[in-house]
Amino acid sequence: MSTDIRIKKGLDIKLKGKAQLKLSSAPRSKTFAIVPSNFHGITPKLVVKVGDKVNVGDTLFYSKQKEEVKFSSPVSGEVKEIVRGAKRVILSIIISADAQDHFKEFKVKKVDGLSSDEVKQLMLESGCWPFINQRPYDVIANPDDQPKSIFVSGLSTAPLSADVDFVLKNKESEFQEGIKALAKLTEGKVHLTVSSSGNSFLTQIKGAEIHRINPIHPAGNVGTQISRIDPINAGERVWTVKPQDVAAIGSLFLHGKYDPSIVVALAGSQVLEPQYYTTIRSAQLESITKGNLSDQKNRIINGNPLTGEAVSKAGFLGFYNDTISVIPEGDHYSFFGWVPFTGGNKFSMSRTFLSWLNGKKEYDLDTNMNGEERAFVLTGEMEKVFPLDIYPMQLLKAVMSGDIERMENLGIYEVAPEDFALVDFVSSSKIEAQDLIRKGLDIMIKEVG
């Protein structure tokens, strides 16, 4: 049985270049890079050195703060380089891949007959534990904690983001087994959210409580779902897992192997043929994008346009990313661009431009911010797209001033940077709200723990 949730505040940004439901296999990348900064707050402790041979599932490093949390190699090959930055901080571990993968074998065990501790131990040993994040703080979950519930978002509402049902095609049994494993890790419920406007196979999944939600962004964010279904109170923990990561966890228990494969959407107006590719986590992006991008000035984004990170063609797929977005570089300026009712390709939440006349039109937006950073002005823009029961501007100001007590009172524990992505988009201040929230969460980790 499912429950229905309706989100009224939000904003759908329709961009050109959404990936067509076509799946191809990306050429095998020759090099892979595991980037510790993908795992926020983790200080890596290496167990490999340059020249070492590794198999898929072998441990590359573990968390210095929590040694049982291990991070595994996505391919078999040779550790080619360990890139370090200032103060010898590890920036990436480069692996030169073999022509064919060899896997570290884990003993196959049916989830139904395992205890919570046994499920947890196998996930930690295999390197699957980093798939689980926690709220508050939006960091990798502490295996010593007991979450009151676990959330899996079965819809993605961000612009150009991957279609969840399509990327899970042919992985239904692995996803179901992953849900069974997650259910062992909490005394509460596993909450699975699907779109109210479709007919997803996810509604047939057993062992999870199904919720239908209207697909206006940010309804696909787990933060929005948690706020409506099982809000976080002081001292509580809620864990979250992405859909393809659930399937990877299930694959471990079904097949006894760490599964690094992932289906990625290559999307955006600068992509010649937007579509989906089967690849491996941490692969070089050029293995996916080569020959399929326009010759114009492009911004390649590791993730969706609202929350992703700008990278070069030589960059590598982020550990948690299932979307590569490519949109025009916004290195131009419009003369009198602020004049109302002009600019046929300009999108506006308000009625400043004519975009409100055609809600179905897709836009070829670039990265131009259309203004510079300025002081916060009380306009009500943020509140219109922010469905959480929180005052977004007041929380951001509390973070800027470093006021811990105010941050607590205003709901810092309930949010993650992605919850403020639309705030970044609509705010006339041009202040980086997502960066501010990440800064605020880091303050709370340091001061409160």
Protein backbone atom coordinates (compact mmCIF):
# COMPACT_ATOMS: atom_id res chain seq x y z
CA MET A 1 0.00 0.00 0.00
CA SER A 2 1.30 3.47 -0.85
CA THR A 3 0.78 6.88 0.67
CA ASP A 4 0.51 10.09 -1.35
CA ILE A 5 2.49 13.28 -0.75
CA ARG A 6 1.95 16.56 -2.55
CA ILE A 7 4.62 19.23 -2.86
CA LYS A 8 3.39 22.75 -3.68
CA LYS A 9 6.61 24.74 -3.50
CA GLY A 10 9.27 24.07 -6.11
CA LEU A 11 10.29 24.76 -9.69
CA ASP A 12 10.77 22.59 -12.77
CA ILE A 13 13.53 23.85 -15.06
CA LYS A 14 13.06 22.28 -18.48
CA LEU A 15 16.38 22.17 -20.32
CA LYS A 16 17.07 21.00 -23.85
CA GLY A 17 18.98 17.78 -24.30
CA LYS A 18 17.33 15.33 -21.90
CA ALA A 19 18.79 11.86 -22.45
CA GLN A 20 16.72 9.65 -24.73
CA LEU A 21 15.84 6.20 -23.44
CA LYS A 22 18.61 4.56 -25.43
CA LEU A 23 21.36 2.52 -23.76
CA SER A 24 24.87 2.04 -25.18
CA SER A 25 28.04 0.60 -23.70
CA ALA A 26 30.77 3.19 -23.21
CA PRO A 27 34.25 2.17 -24.38
CA ARG A 28 36.33 0.84 -21.50
CA SER A 29 38.34 3.63 -19.92
CA LYS A 30 42.09 3.01 -19.77
CA THR A 31 42.46 4.87 -16.49
CA PHE A 32 40.24 5.31 -13.45
CA ALA A 33 40.57 7.77 -10.58
CA ILE A 34 39.20 7.32 -7.08
CA VAL A 35 38.89 10.81 -5.60
CA PRO A 36 38.71 10.96 -1.77
CA SER A 37 37.05 14.40 -1.91
CA ASN A 38 33.93 12.64 -3.30
CA PHE A 39 33.48 11.36 0.26
CA HIS A 40 33.03 14.52 2.29
CA GLY A 41 34.77 14.58 5.66
CA ILE A 42 36.83 11.43 5.03
CA THR A 43 40.58 11.47 5.68
CA PRO A 44 41.97 8.56 3.64
CA LYS A 45 44.58 6.10 4.95
CA LEU A 46 46.19 4.28 2.02
CA VAL A 47 46.74 0.53 1.96
CA VAL A 48 48.20 0.49 -1.56
CA LYS A 49 51.24 2.07 -3.18
CA VAL A 50 52.29 2.86 -6.74
CA GLY A 51 52.90 -0.34 -8.68
CA ASP A 52 50.54 -2.52 -6.66
CA LYS A 53 48.18 -4.86 -8.52
CA VAL A 54 44.53 -4.70 -7.46
CA ASN A 55 41.32 -6.56 -8.27
CA VAL A 56 37.79 -5.21 -8.28
CA GLY A 57 36.75 -5.03 -4.62
CA ASP A 58 40.27 -4.79 -3.16
CA THR A 59 40.64 -2.06 -0.54
CA LEU A 60 42.49 1.06 -1.70
CA PHE A 61 42.12 3.10 1.48
CA TYR A 62 40.05 3.33 4.62
CA SER A 63 38.72 6.19 6.71
CA LYS A 64 41.21 7.43 9.27
CA GLN A 65 38.31 8.41 11.53
CA LYS A 66 36.51 5.05 11.19
CA GLU A 67 38.93 2.33 10.08
CA GLU A 68 36.24 -0.26 9.31
CA VAL A 69 34.86 1.97 6.51
CA LYS A 70 36.78 0.83 3.43
CA PHE A 71 36.89 2.10 -0.15
CA SER A 72 37.35 -0.43 -2.94
CA SER A 73 38.88 -0.45 -6.39
CA PRO A 74 36.29 -0.26 -9.21
CA VAL A 75 38.58 -2.10 -11.65
CA SER A 76 41.45 -4.54 -11.72
CA GLY A 77 44.79 -3.17 -12.79
CA GLU A 78 47.87 -1.41 -11.49
CA VAL A 79 48.05 1.59 -9.18
CA LYS A 80 49.65 4.03 -11.61
CA GLU A 81 49.86 7.21 -9.53
CA ILE A 82 48.86 8.70 -6.21
CA VAL A 83 48.25 12.40 -6.77
CA ARG A 84 48.89 14.64 -3.77
CA GLY A 85 48.23 18.30 -3.15
CA ALA A 86 49.27 20.82 -0.51
CA LYS A 87 50.40 19.24 2.78
CA ARG A 88 50.47 15.88 0.95
CA VAL A 89 46.69 15.65 0.90
CA ILE A 90 45.63 12.75 -1.34
CA LEU A 91 43.75 14.18 -4.32
CA SER A 92 43.26 11.00 -6.32
CA ILE A 93 44.40 7.41 -6.81
CA ILE A 94 44.95 6.65 -10.49
CA ILE A 95 44.58 3.04 -11.66
CA SER A 96 45.68 1.77 -15.05
CA ALA A 97 42.97 -0.75 -15.91
CA ASP A 98 43.46 -4.28 -17.18
CA ALA A 99 41.76 -5.28 -20.43
CA GLN A 100 39.42 -7.50 -18.41
CA ASP A 101 38.39 -7.25 -14.77
CA HIS A 102 39.20 -9.78 -12.08
CA PHE A 103 37.05 -9.73 -8.96
CA LYS A 104 37.73 -10.31 -5.30
CA GLU A 105 35.27 -12.97 -4.23
CA PHE A 106 33.07 -12.61 -1.16
CA LYS A 107 31.10 -15.50 0.27
CA VAL A 108 27.55 -15.37 -1.09
CA LYS A 109 24.99 -15.24 1.69
CA LYS A 110 21.24 -14.85 1.43
CA VAL A 111 20.11 -11.73 3.24
CA ASP A 112 17.08 -13.46 4.78
CA GLY A 113 19.29 -15.64 6.96
CA LEU A 114 21.66 -12.92 8.15
CA SER A 115 21.62 -10.76 11.23
CA SER A 116 22.00 -7.00 11.12
CA ASP A 117 25.64 -7.26 12.23
CA GLU A 118 26.43 -9.83 9.53
CA VAL A 119 24.91 -7.65 6.81
CA LYS A 120 26.84 -4.66 8.10
CA GLN A 121 30.11 -6.60 8.30
CA LEU A 122 29.92 -7.82 4.69
CA MET A 123 29.10 -4.34 3.43
CA LEU A 124 32.03 -2.85 5.33
CA GLU A 125 34.48 -5.51 4.17
CA SER A 126 33.46 -5.25 0.50
CA GLY A 127 33.55 -1.45 0.27
CA CYS A 128 29.78 -1.08 -0.15
CA TRP A 129 29.34 0.92 3.05
CA PRO A 130 30.17 4.31 1.41
CA PHE A 131 26.93 3.93 -0.57
CA ILE A 132 25.07 4.86 2.63
CA ASN A 133 24.89 8.52 3.63
CA GLN A 134 23.33 9.97 6.74
CA ARG A 135 21.28 12.97 7.73
CA PRO A 136 22.14 15.19 9.49
CA TYR A 137 25.42 16.40 7.98
CA ASP A 138 25.14 14.61 4.58
CA VAL A 139 28.22 12.44 5.14
CA ILE A 140 28.93 8.70 5.01
CA ALA A 141 26.92 6.94 7.71
CA ASN A 142 28.60 5.86 10.93
CA PRO A 143 28.22 2.05 11.16
CA ASP A 144 27.96 2.35 14.95
CA ASP A 145 24.76 4.39 14.69
CA GLN A 146 21.22 3.05 14.62
CA PRO A 147 19.11 4.93 12.04
CA LYS A 148 15.45 5.47 12.79
CA SER A 149 14.68 4.94 9.08
CA ILE A 150 16.30 4.63 5.66
CA PHE A 151 15.24 6.58 2.56
CA VAL A 152 15.60 5.66 -1.12
CA SER A 153 14.35 8.19 -3.66
CA GLY A 154 12.91 6.37 -6.67
CA LEU A 155 12.49 9.54 -8.73
CA SER A 156 14.86 12.25 -9.83
CA THR A 157 13.36 15.66 -10.53
CA ALA A 158 16.49 17.78 -11.14
CA PRO A 159 16.98 19.10 -14.70
CA LEU A 160 18.59 16.58 -17.09
CA SER A 161 18.84 13.96 -14.33
CA ALA A 162 18.72 10.24 -15.09
CA ASP A 163 15.42 8.35 -15.22
CA VAL A 164 15.46 5.97 -12.24
CA ASP A 165 13.28 3.26 -13.81
CA PHE A 166 15.43 3.19 -16.94
CA VAL A 167 18.81 2.95 -15.16
CA LEU A 168 17.47 0.10 -13.00
CA LYS A 169 16.20 -1.89 -15.99
CA ASN A 170 17.38 -5.52 -15.71
CA LYS A 171 18.51 -4.86 -12.13
CA GLU A 172 15.15 -5.49 -10.47
CA SER A 173 16.29 -8.57 -8.51
CA GLU A 174 19.45 -6.81 -7.29
CA PHE A 175 17.42 -3.80 -6.20
CA GLN A 176 14.97 -6.00 -4.31
CA GLU A 177 17.84 -7.79 -2.54
CA GLY A 178 19.41 -4.43 -1.68
CA ILE A 179 16.16 -3.28 -0.05
CA LYS A 180 16.15 -6.50 2.02
CA ALA A 181 19.71 -5.78 3.16
CA LEU A 182 18.88 -2.18 4.11
CA ALA A 183 15.84 -3.35 6.09
CA LYS A 184 18.22 -5.37 8.27
CA LEU A 185 20.09 -2.20 9.25
CA THR A 186 17.20 -0.34 10.89
CA GLU A 187 14.49 -1.09 13.40
CA GLY A 188 12.36 1.46 11.56
CA LYS A 189 11.14 1.46 7.97
CA VAL A 190 12.78 1.62 4.58
CA HIS A 191 10.95 4.41 2.72
CA LEU A 192 10.88 4.21 -1.09
CA THR A 193 9.44 7.19 -2.95
CA VAL A 194 8.12 7.06 -6.54
CA SER A 195 6.49 9.53 -8.88
CA SER A 196 2.72 9.89 -8.65
CA SER A 197 2.54 10.49 -12.42
CA GLY A 198 3.98 7.20 -13.65
CA ASN A 199 3.73 3.42 -13.35
CA SER A 200 7.06 2.38 -11.86
CA PHE A 201 8.11 -1.20 -11.15
CA LEU A 202 9.35 0.15 -7.81
CA THR A 203 5.78 0.09 -6.50
CA GLN A 204 6.04 -3.74 -6.51
CA ILE A 205 9.13 -3.83 -4.30
CA LYS A 206 8.65 -5.72 -1.04
CA GLY A 207 10.08 -4.74 2.32
CA ALA A 208 9.75 -0.99 1.82
CA GLU A 209 6.99 1.50 2.50
CA ILE A 210 6.03 3.09 -0.82
CA HIS A 211 5.23 6.81 -1.09
CA ARG A 212 3.93 8.55 -4.22
CA ILE A 213 4.93 12.18 -4.67
CA ASN A 214 4.13 14.72 -7.39
CA PRO A 215 7.31 15.18 -9.46
CA ILE A 216 8.02 18.88 -9.13
CA HIS A 217 11.62 19.65 -8.22
CA PRO A 218 12.88 19.26 -5.47
CA ALA A 219 10.43 16.42 -4.69
CA GLY A 220 13.11 13.94 -5.79
CA ASN A 221 15.52 15.12 -3.08
CA VAL A 222 15.58 12.86 -0.02
CA GLY A 223 15.64 15.97 2.18
CA THR A 224 12.19 16.97 0.90
CA GLN A 225 10.90 13.44 1.43
CA ILE A 226 12.31 13.11 4.94
CA SER A 227 10.69 16.39 5.96
CA ARG A 228 7.25 15.09 4.90
CA ILE A 229 7.52 11.44 5.98
CA ASP A 230 9.85 11.09 8.97
CA PRO A 231 11.37 14.43 10.09
CA ILE A 232 14.67 14.39 11.96
CA ASN A 233 14.63 15.39 15.62
CA ALA A 234 17.63 16.24 17.80
CA GLY A 235 19.99 13.29 18.21
CA GLU A 236 18.32 11.14 15.52
CA ARG A 237 19.89 9.66 12.40
CA VAL A 238 18.30 8.90 9.04
CA TRP A 239 20.25 7.07 6.33
CA THR A 240 19.85 7.59 2.59
CA VAL A 241 20.90 5.46 -0.41
CA LYS A 242 20.70 6.19 -4.15
CA PRO A 243 18.74 3.67 -6.29
CA GLN A 244 21.67 2.29 -8.31
CA ASP A 245 23.66 1.98 -5.09
CA VAL A 246 20.84 -0.11 -3.62
CA ALA A 247 21.21 -2.44 -6.62
CA ALA A 248 24.99 -2.59 -6.09
CA ILE A 249 24.42 -3.63 -2.47
CA GLY A 250 21.96 -6.29 -3.62
CA SER A 251 24.48 -7.56 -6.20
CA LEU A 252 26.99 -8.15 -3.41
CA PHE A 253 24.60 -10.49 -1.59
CA LEU A 254 23.37 -12.23 -4.75
CA HIS A 255 26.68 -12.70 -6.57
CA GLY A 256 29.39 -12.25 -3.93
CA LYS A 257 31.14 -9.43 -5.80
CA TYR A 258 31.56 -5.70 -5.43
CA ASP A 259 29.64 -4.27 -8.40
CA PRO A 260 31.07 -0.95 -9.69
CA SER A 261 28.96 -0.81 -12.86
CA ILE A 262 26.60 2.11 -13.33
CA VAL A 263 24.27 3.52 -15.99
CA VAL A 264 24.98 7.18 -16.68
CA ALA A 265 22.88 9.78 -18.53
CA LEU A 266 24.88 12.00 -20.90
CA ALA A 267 22.57 14.97 -21.36
CA GLY A 268 22.42 18.66 -22.23
CA SER A 269 21.99 20.93 -25.24
CA GLN A 270 25.65 20.56 -26.20
CA VAL A 271 25.39 16.77 -26.52
CA LEU A 272 24.87 15.66 -30.11
CA GLU A 273 22.97 12.50 -29.16
CA PRO A 274 21.84 12.59 -25.52
CA GLN A 275 21.50 9.03 -24.22
CA TYR A 276 22.48 6.56 -21.51
CA TYR A 277 25.73 4.64 -21.21
CA THR A 278 26.77 1.63 -19.21
CA THR A 279 30.15 2.31 -17.62
CA ILE A 280 32.13 1.85 -14.40
CA ARG A 281 32.33 4.25 -11.48
CA SER A 282 35.34 6.59 -11.53
CA ALA A 283 35.88 6.11 -15.31
CA GLN A 284 37.45 8.90 -17.34
CA LEU A 285 34.68 11.10 -18.75
CA GLU A 286 36.21 11.17 -22.22
CA SER A 287 35.37 7.48 -22.60
CA ILE A 288 31.69 8.53 -22.44
CA THR A 289 31.70 11.95 -24.10
CA LYS A 290 34.18 11.44 -26.96
CA GLY A 291 32.66 12.25 -30.35
CA ASN A 292 29.29 13.21 -28.90
CA LEU A 293 29.78 16.87 -27.96
CA SER A 294 29.41 20.04 -30.03
CA ASP A 295 32.50 22.07 -30.94
CA GLN A 296 31.29 25.16 -29.09
CA LYS A 297 32.49 26.35 -25.70
CA ASN A 298 30.98 23.82 -23.32
CA ARG A 299 30.69 23.42 -19.56
CA ILE A 300 30.99 19.74 -18.65
CA ILE A 301 29.31 19.08 -15.32
CA ASN A 302 29.85 16.03 -13.16
CA GLY A 303 26.22 15.65 -12.08
CA ASN A 304 23.12 17.69 -12.90
CA PRO A 305 23.34 21.43 -13.71
CA LEU A 306 22.05 22.51 -10.27
CA THR A 307 24.31 20.50 -7.98
CA GLY A 308 27.12 19.15 -10.18
CA GLU A 309 30.77 20.17 -10.36
CA ALA A 310 32.50 21.62 -13.42
CA VAL A 311 35.19 19.30 -14.82
CA SER A 312 37.33 18.95 -17.92
CA LYS A 313 37.10 16.20 -20.54
CA ALA A 314 40.03 14.58 -18.80
CA GLY A 315 38.10 14.44 -15.52
CA PHE A 316 36.59 11.34 -13.95
CA LEU A 317 33.04 10.31 -13.13
CA GLY A 318 32.14 11.14 -9.54
CA PHE A 319 31.45 8.19 -7.23
CA TYR A 320 27.83 9.20 -6.57
CA ASN A 321 27.03 10.66 -10.01
CA ASP A 322 24.73 9.07 -12.58
CA THR A 323 24.50 12.14 -14.84
CA ILE A 324 26.97 14.07 -16.99
CA SER A 325 25.51 17.41 -18.11
CA VAL A 326 26.98 19.49 -20.93
CA ILE A 327 25.61 23.02 -21.43
CA PRO A 328 26.96 26.20 -23.12
CA GLU A 329 29.63 28.19 -21.34
CA GLY A 330 28.16 31.52 -20.21
CA ASP A 331 31.08 33.78 -21.08
CA HIS A 332 29.02 36.54 -22.68
CA TYR A 333 27.02 39.55 -21.52
CA SER A 334 23.72 40.97 -22.77
CA PHE A 335 23.41 44.71 -23.37
CA PHE A 336 20.42 45.93 -21.31
CA GLY A 337 19.79 42.27 -20.43
CA TRP A 338 17.76 43.33 -17.40
CA VAL A 339 15.04 44.99 -19.51
CA PRO A 340 11.72 43.16 -18.88
CA PHE A 341 9.83 41.19 -21.53
CA THR A 342 12.89 40.67 -23.73
CA GLY A 343 15.06 37.68 -24.48
CA GLY A 344 13.15 34.79 -26.04
CA ASN A 345 15.48 32.16 -24.55
CA LYS A 346 15.53 33.54 -21.03
CA PHE A 347 13.88 31.61 -18.24
CA SER A 348 12.41 33.34 -15.22
CA MET A 349 10.47 32.11 -12.22
CA SER A 350 8.72 35.47 -12.12
CA ARG A 351 7.05 37.21 -15.07
CA THR A 352 10.08 39.37 -15.82
CA PHE A 353 10.55 37.45 -19.08
CA LEU A 354 8.00 35.71 -21.26
CA SER A 355 8.89 32.15 -20.21
CA TRP A 356 5.74 31.95 -18.07
CA LEU A 357 3.58 31.98 -21.24
CA ASN A 358 4.82 28.54 -22.33
CA GLY A 359 5.37 26.20 -19.43
CA LYS A 360 6.30 23.28 -21.69
CA LYS A 361 9.10 25.02 -23.58
CA GLU A 362 12.61 23.64 -23.18
CA TYR A 363 15.43 26.17 -22.76
CA ASP A 364 19.04 26.18 -23.87
CA LEU A 365 20.39 27.90 -20.77
CA ASP A 366 24.10 28.57 -20.25
CA THR A 367 26.21 29.12 -17.14
CA ASN A 368 25.94 32.91 -17.15
CA MET A 369 24.88 34.15 -13.70
CA ASN A 370 23.29 37.31 -15.17
CA GLY A 371 24.60 39.49 -12.39
CA GLU A 372 27.15 39.69 -9.62
CA GLU A 373 27.10 38.91 -5.92
CA ARG A 374 25.16 41.43 -3.84
CA ALA A 375 23.53 41.72 -0.45
CA PHE A 376 20.54 39.58 0.55
CA VAL A 377 17.25 41.30 -0.17
CA LEU A 378 13.99 40.09 1.34
CA THR A 379 12.04 39.26 -1.83
CA GLY A 380 10.36 35.94 -1.01
CA GLU A 381 12.06 34.25 -3.99
CA MET A 382 13.70 31.55 -1.89
CA GLU A 383 10.57 30.59 -0.01
CA LYS A 384 8.61 29.97 -3.24
CA VAL A 385 10.90 27.10 -4.26
CA PHE A 386 11.79 25.75 -0.81
CA PRO A 387 9.27 23.13 0.40
CA LEU A 388 10.91 22.39 3.76
CA ASP A 389 9.40 23.98 6.87
CA ILE A 390 12.48 26.17 7.31
CA TYR A 391 13.27 29.85 6.72
CA PRO A 392 16.05 29.55 4.10
CA MET A 393 17.30 33.14 4.15
CA GLN A 394 17.47 33.28 7.93
CA LEU A 395 19.35 29.98 8.05
CA LEU A 396 21.87 31.19 5.48
CA LYS A 397 22.44 34.38 7.47
CA ALA A 398 22.98 32.33 10.64
CA VAL A 399 25.62 30.28 8.82
CA MET A 400 27.33 33.44 7.55
CA SER A 401 27.54 34.77 11.09
CA GLY A 402 28.63 31.40 12.54
CA ASP A 403 25.81 31.44 15.11
CA ILE A 404 25.57 27.77 16.16
CA GLU A 405 22.50 28.19 18.37
CA ARG A 406 20.56 29.98 15.64
CA MET A 407 21.61 27.39 13.06
CA GLU A 408 20.25 24.64 15.31
CA ASN A 409 16.99 26.48 15.90
CA LEU A 410 16.55 27.23 12.19
CA GLY A 411 16.94 23.60 11.08
CA ILE A 412 20.54 23.06 9.97
CA TYR A 413 20.29 19.36 10.90
CA GLU A 414 17.45 18.82 8.41
CA VAL A 415 19.17 20.07 5.26
CA ALA A 416 21.93 19.21 2.82
CA PRO A 417 23.53 21.41 0.14
CA GLU A 418 21.31 19.95 -2.62
CA ASP A 419 18.22 21.22 -0.81
CA PHE A 420 19.42 24.77 -1.56
CA ALA A 421 20.15 24.23 -5.27
CA LEU A 422 16.95 25.98 -6.38
CA VAL A 423 17.69 28.77 -3.92
CA ASP A 424 20.97 29.31 -5.79
CA PHE A 425 19.07 29.38 -9.09
CA VAL A 426 16.36 31.88 -8.19
CA SER A 427 18.15 34.13 -5.70
CA SER A 428 18.94 37.60 -7.02
CA SER A 429 21.81 37.88 -4.50
CA LYS A 430 24.01 35.39 -6.45
CA ILE A 431 25.39 34.16 -3.13
CA GLU A 432 26.39 30.47 -3.24
CA ALA A 433 23.80 29.00 -0.88
CA GLN A 434 24.94 25.38 -1.34
CA ASP A 435 28.50 26.27 -0.35
CA LEU A 436 27.21 28.15 2.68
CA ILE A 437 25.12 25.19 3.86
CA ARG A 438 28.10 22.85 3.46
CA LYS A 439 30.14 25.27 5.54
CA GLY A 440 27.40 25.37 8.19
CA LEU A 441 27.18 21.57 8.37
CA ASP A 442 30.96 21.33 8.77
CA ILE A 443 30.80 23.80 11.63
CA MET A 444 28.16 21.66 13.34
CA ILE A 445 30.21 18.49 12.86
CA LYS A 446 33.22 20.16 14.45
CA GLU A 447 31.41 21.88 17.30
CA VAL A 448 28.57 19.47 18.08
CA GLY A 449 29.53 16.15 16.48
